[in-house]
């Protein structure tokens, strides 16, 4: 094997070295780098921050199981809006109020339980139909009363007979005293 040692000339060496950084440039660059690194987060701080983040692959997997915006829009087109629901609820509420007023009006026409209890108590004190018929059987009817009264003298006839009797008594006493 043949090795060739190539040597650079002095001018080439000086020109090559002139392109290189000197010690002060390197020191300045290291100091800048060091101060720049002091403002950066440590590895542990980065790990703490990253624990709240999701990997892109996990995010894509989770998003694949969710509905897309287009799917949600399609679903919402078939739904009624909130204003329609509010108007339907108001209509139902108004109907309920109307029914409530009607029922309240009708309830005022019904008797209260205490009134019904009073009527029941009064009816219970009354005689029943069988008892009434039994009592009526023992009483005289109109015809029998009229027949019995027909045999009796009426007041005007009785008064006139008494008046005649009174007139006859003094005459009889006069006759017998003679």
Protein backbone atom coordinates (compact mmCIF):
# COMPACT_ATOMS: atom_id res chain seq x y z
CA UNK A 1 0.00 0.00 0.00
CA UNK A 2 1.22 3.27 -0.83
CA UNK A 3 0.48 6.15 1.36
CA UNK A 4 0.95 9.59 0.12
CA UNK A 5 1.44 12.18 2.63
CA UNK A 6 0.15 15.34 1.39
CA UNK A 7 1.29 18.41 3.11
CA UNK A 8 -0.39 21.71 2.99
CA UNK A 9 1.58 24.78 2.25
CA UNK A 10 1.90 27.52 4.81
CA UNK A 11 -0.46 29.80 2.95
CA UNK A 12 -3.04 27.09 2.67
CA UNK A 13 -2.68 26.40 6.36
CA UNK A 14 -3.06 30.09 7.28
CA UNK A 15 -5.99 30.50 4.97
CA UNK A 16 -7.63 27.36 6.48
CA UNK A 17 -6.98 28.55 10.00
CA UNK A 18 -8.39 31.96 9.27
CA UNK A 19 -11.71 30.34 8.54
CA UNK A 20 -11.70 28.55 11.90
CA UNK A 21 -12.93 30.08 15.12
CA UNK A 22 -10.44 31.30 17.64
CA UNK A 23 -10.57 30.64 21.40
CA UNK A 24 -12.46 33.82 22.21
CA UNK A 25 -15.08 33.03 19.56
CA UNK A 26 -15.51 29.51 20.94
CA UNK A 27 -15.67 30.84 24.54
CA UNK A 28 -18.25 33.42 23.53
CA UNK A 29 -20.32 30.78 21.70
CA UNK A 30 -20.14 28.40 24.68
CA UNK A 31 -21.24 31.22 27.03
CA UNK A 32 -24.15 32.10 24.74
CA UNK A 33 -25.13 28.46 24.53
CA UNK A 34 -24.88 28.09 28.29
CA UNK A 35 -27.08 31.14 28.99
CA UNK A 36 -29.53 29.97 26.36
CA UNK A 37 -29.73 26.55 28.01
CA UNK A 38 -30.36 28.09 31.44
CA UNK A 39 -33.65 29.56 30.18
CA UNK A 40 -34.76 26.23 28.75
CA UNK A 41 -36.87 23.62 30.55
CA UNK A 42 -35.21 20.63 32.13
CA UNK A 43 -35.93 17.12 30.90
CA UNK A 44 -38.12 16.45 33.97
CA UNK A 45 -40.09 19.67 33.39
CA UNK A 46 -40.65 18.64 29.78
CA UNK A 47 -41.90 15.22 30.87
CA UNK A 48 -44.32 16.86 33.37
CA UNK A 49 -45.70 19.09 30.64
CA UNK A 50 -45.97 16.29 28.13
CA UNK A 51 -47.90 13.96 30.43
CA UNK A 52 -51.03 16.10 29.83
CA UNK A 53 -50.72 15.73 26.06
CA UNK A 54 -51.98 12.89 23.91
CA UNK A 55 -50.00 11.11 21.26
CA UNK A 56 -51.09 11.89 17.72
CA UNK A 57 -51.93 8.23 17.08
CA UNK A 58 -54.08 8.08 20.25
CA UNK A 59 -55.82 11.31 19.27
CA UNK A 60 -56.56 9.99 15.78
CA UNK A 61 -57.93 6.74 17.22
CA UNK A 62 -60.19 8.62 19.64
CA UNK A 63 -61.41 10.99 16.95
CA UNK A 64 -62.24 8.12 14.59
CA UNK A 65 -64.95 6.92 16.99
CA UNK A 66 -66.59 10.38 17.23
CA UNK A 67 -69.24 11.84 14.94
CA UNK A 68 -68.04 14.23 12.27
CA UNK A 69 -69.41 17.73 11.84
CA UNK A 70 -71.31 16.62 8.75
CA UNK A 71 -72.90 13.74 10.66
CA UNK A 72 -73.95 16.09 13.46
CA UNK A 73 -75.39 18.57 10.95
CA UNK A 74 -77.35 15.76 9.29
CA UNK A 75 -78.77 14.69 12.65
CA UNK A 76 -79.66 18.25 13.60
CA UNK A 77 -81.55 18.83 10.36
CA UNK A 78 -84.09 16.25 11.44
CA UNK A 79 -84.54 17.86 14.87
CA UNK A 80 -86.87 20.72 15.70
CA UNK A 81 -85.35 23.89 17.01
CA UNK A 82 -85.68 25.21 20.55
CA UNK A 83 -88.26 27.84 19.58
CA UNK A 84 -90.57 25.13 18.24
CA UNK A 85 -90.22 23.25 21.51
CA UNK A 86 -90.92 26.41 23.51
CA UNK A 87 -94.05 27.15 21.50
CA UNK A 88 -95.27 23.56 21.93
CA UNK A 89 -94.62 23.72 25.68
CA UNK A 90 -96.46 27.06 25.91
CA UNK A 91 -99.41 25.61 23.98
CA UNK A 92 -99.53 22.62 26.33
CA UNK A 93 -99.29 24.90 29.37
CA UNK A 94 -102.14 27.07 28.06
CA UNK A 95 -104.25 23.94 27.45
CA UNK A 96 -103.48 22.77 30.99
CA UNK A 97 -104.52 26.15 32.41
CA UNK A 98 -107.78 26.01 30.42
CA UNK A 99 -108.52 22.48 31.71
CA UNK A 100 -107.70 23.58 35.24
CA UNK A 101 -110.17 26.49 35.02
CA UNK A 102 -112.88 24.21 33.56
CA UNK A 103 -112.39 21.64 36.30
CA UNK A 104 -112.48 24.36 38.97
CA UNK A 105 -115.77 25.68 37.53
CA UNK A 106 -117.26 22.18 37.48
CA UNK A 107 -116.10 21.48 41.02
CA UNK A 108 -118.01 24.52 42.30
CA UNK A 109 -121.23 22.83 41.12
CA UNK A 110 -120.60 19.74 43.25
CA UNK A 111 -121.66 19.49 46.89
CA UNK A 112 -119.00 19.34 49.54
CA UNK A 113 -118.59 16.15 51.55
CA UNK A 114 -119.84 17.85 54.72
CA UNK A 115 -123.03 18.90 52.86
CA UNK A 116 -123.55 15.34 51.64
CA UNK A 117 -123.02 14.02 55.16
CA UNK A 118 -125.66 16.45 56.48
CA UNK A 119 -128.17 15.32 53.82
CA UNK A 120 -127.48 11.66 54.60
CA UNK A 121 -128.00 12.30 58.32
CA UNK A 122 -131.30 14.10 57.61
CA UNK A 123 -132.52 11.31 55.33
CA UNK A 124 -131.63 8.69 57.93
CA UNK A 125 -133.87 10.50 60.43
CA UNK A 126 -136.82 10.31 58.05
CA UNK A 127 -139.20 7.30 57.96
CA UNK A 128 -138.81 4.88 55.12
CA UNK A 129 -141.57 4.09 52.59
CA UNK A 130 -142.62 0.80 54.20
CA UNK A 131 -143.08 2.44 57.59
CA UNK A 132 -145.09 5.28 56.02
CA UNK A 133 -147.41 2.87 54.19
CA UNK A 134 -147.92 0.87 57.39
CA UNK A 135 -148.85 4.02 59.33
CA UNK A 136 -151.17 5.18 56.57
CA UNK A 137 -153.04 1.86 56.65
CA UNK A 138 -154.04 2.52 60.27
CA UNK A 139 -155.43 5.96 59.40
CA UNK A 140 -158.84 6.71 57.94
CA UNK A 141 -159.10 7.66 54.31
CA UNK A 142 -160.94 10.73 52.97
CA UNK A 143 -164.13 8.87 52.16
CA UNK A 144 -164.52 7.36 55.64
CA UNK A 145 -163.87 10.74 57.25
CA UNK A 146 -166.42 12.39 54.93
CA UNK A 147 -169.02 9.68 55.76
CA UNK A 148 -168.44 10.09 59.48
CA UNK A 149 -168.66 13.85 59.27
CA UNK A 150 -171.82 13.64 57.18
CA UNK A 151 -173.58 12.01 60.13
CA UNK A 152 -172.57 14.87 62.40
CA UNK A 153 -174.25 18.22 62.63
CA UNK A 154 -172.51 21.18 61.25
CA UNK A 155 -171.89 24.27 63.40
CA UNK A 156 -174.50 26.53 61.80
CA UNK A 157 -177.22 23.86 62.23
CA UNK A 158 -176.16 23.34 65.82
CA UNK A 159 -176.22 27.06 66.57
CA UNK A 160 -179.71 27.43 65.16
CA UNK A 161 -180.99 24.42 67.18
CA UNK A 162 -179.50 25.86 70.35
CA UNK A 163 -181.16 29.18 69.67
CA UNK A 164 -184.53 27.46 69.24
CA UNK A 165 -184.06 25.41 72.38
CA UNK A 166 -183.32 28.51 74.33
CA UNK A 167 -186.55 30.01 73.14
CA UNK A 168 -188.52 26.89 74.07
CA UNK A 169 -187.17 26.52 77.59
CA UNK A 170 -188.88 29.60 79.01
CA UNK A 171 -192.08 28.56 77.29
CA UNK A 172 -192.00 25.11 78.86
CA UNK A 173 -191.26 26.49 82.26
CA UNK A 174 -194.17 28.83 81.92
CA UNK A 175 -196.45 26.00 80.93
CA UNK A 176 -195.48 23.75 83.76
CA UNK A 177 -195.66 26.45 86.36
CA UNK A 178 -199.33 26.94 85.63
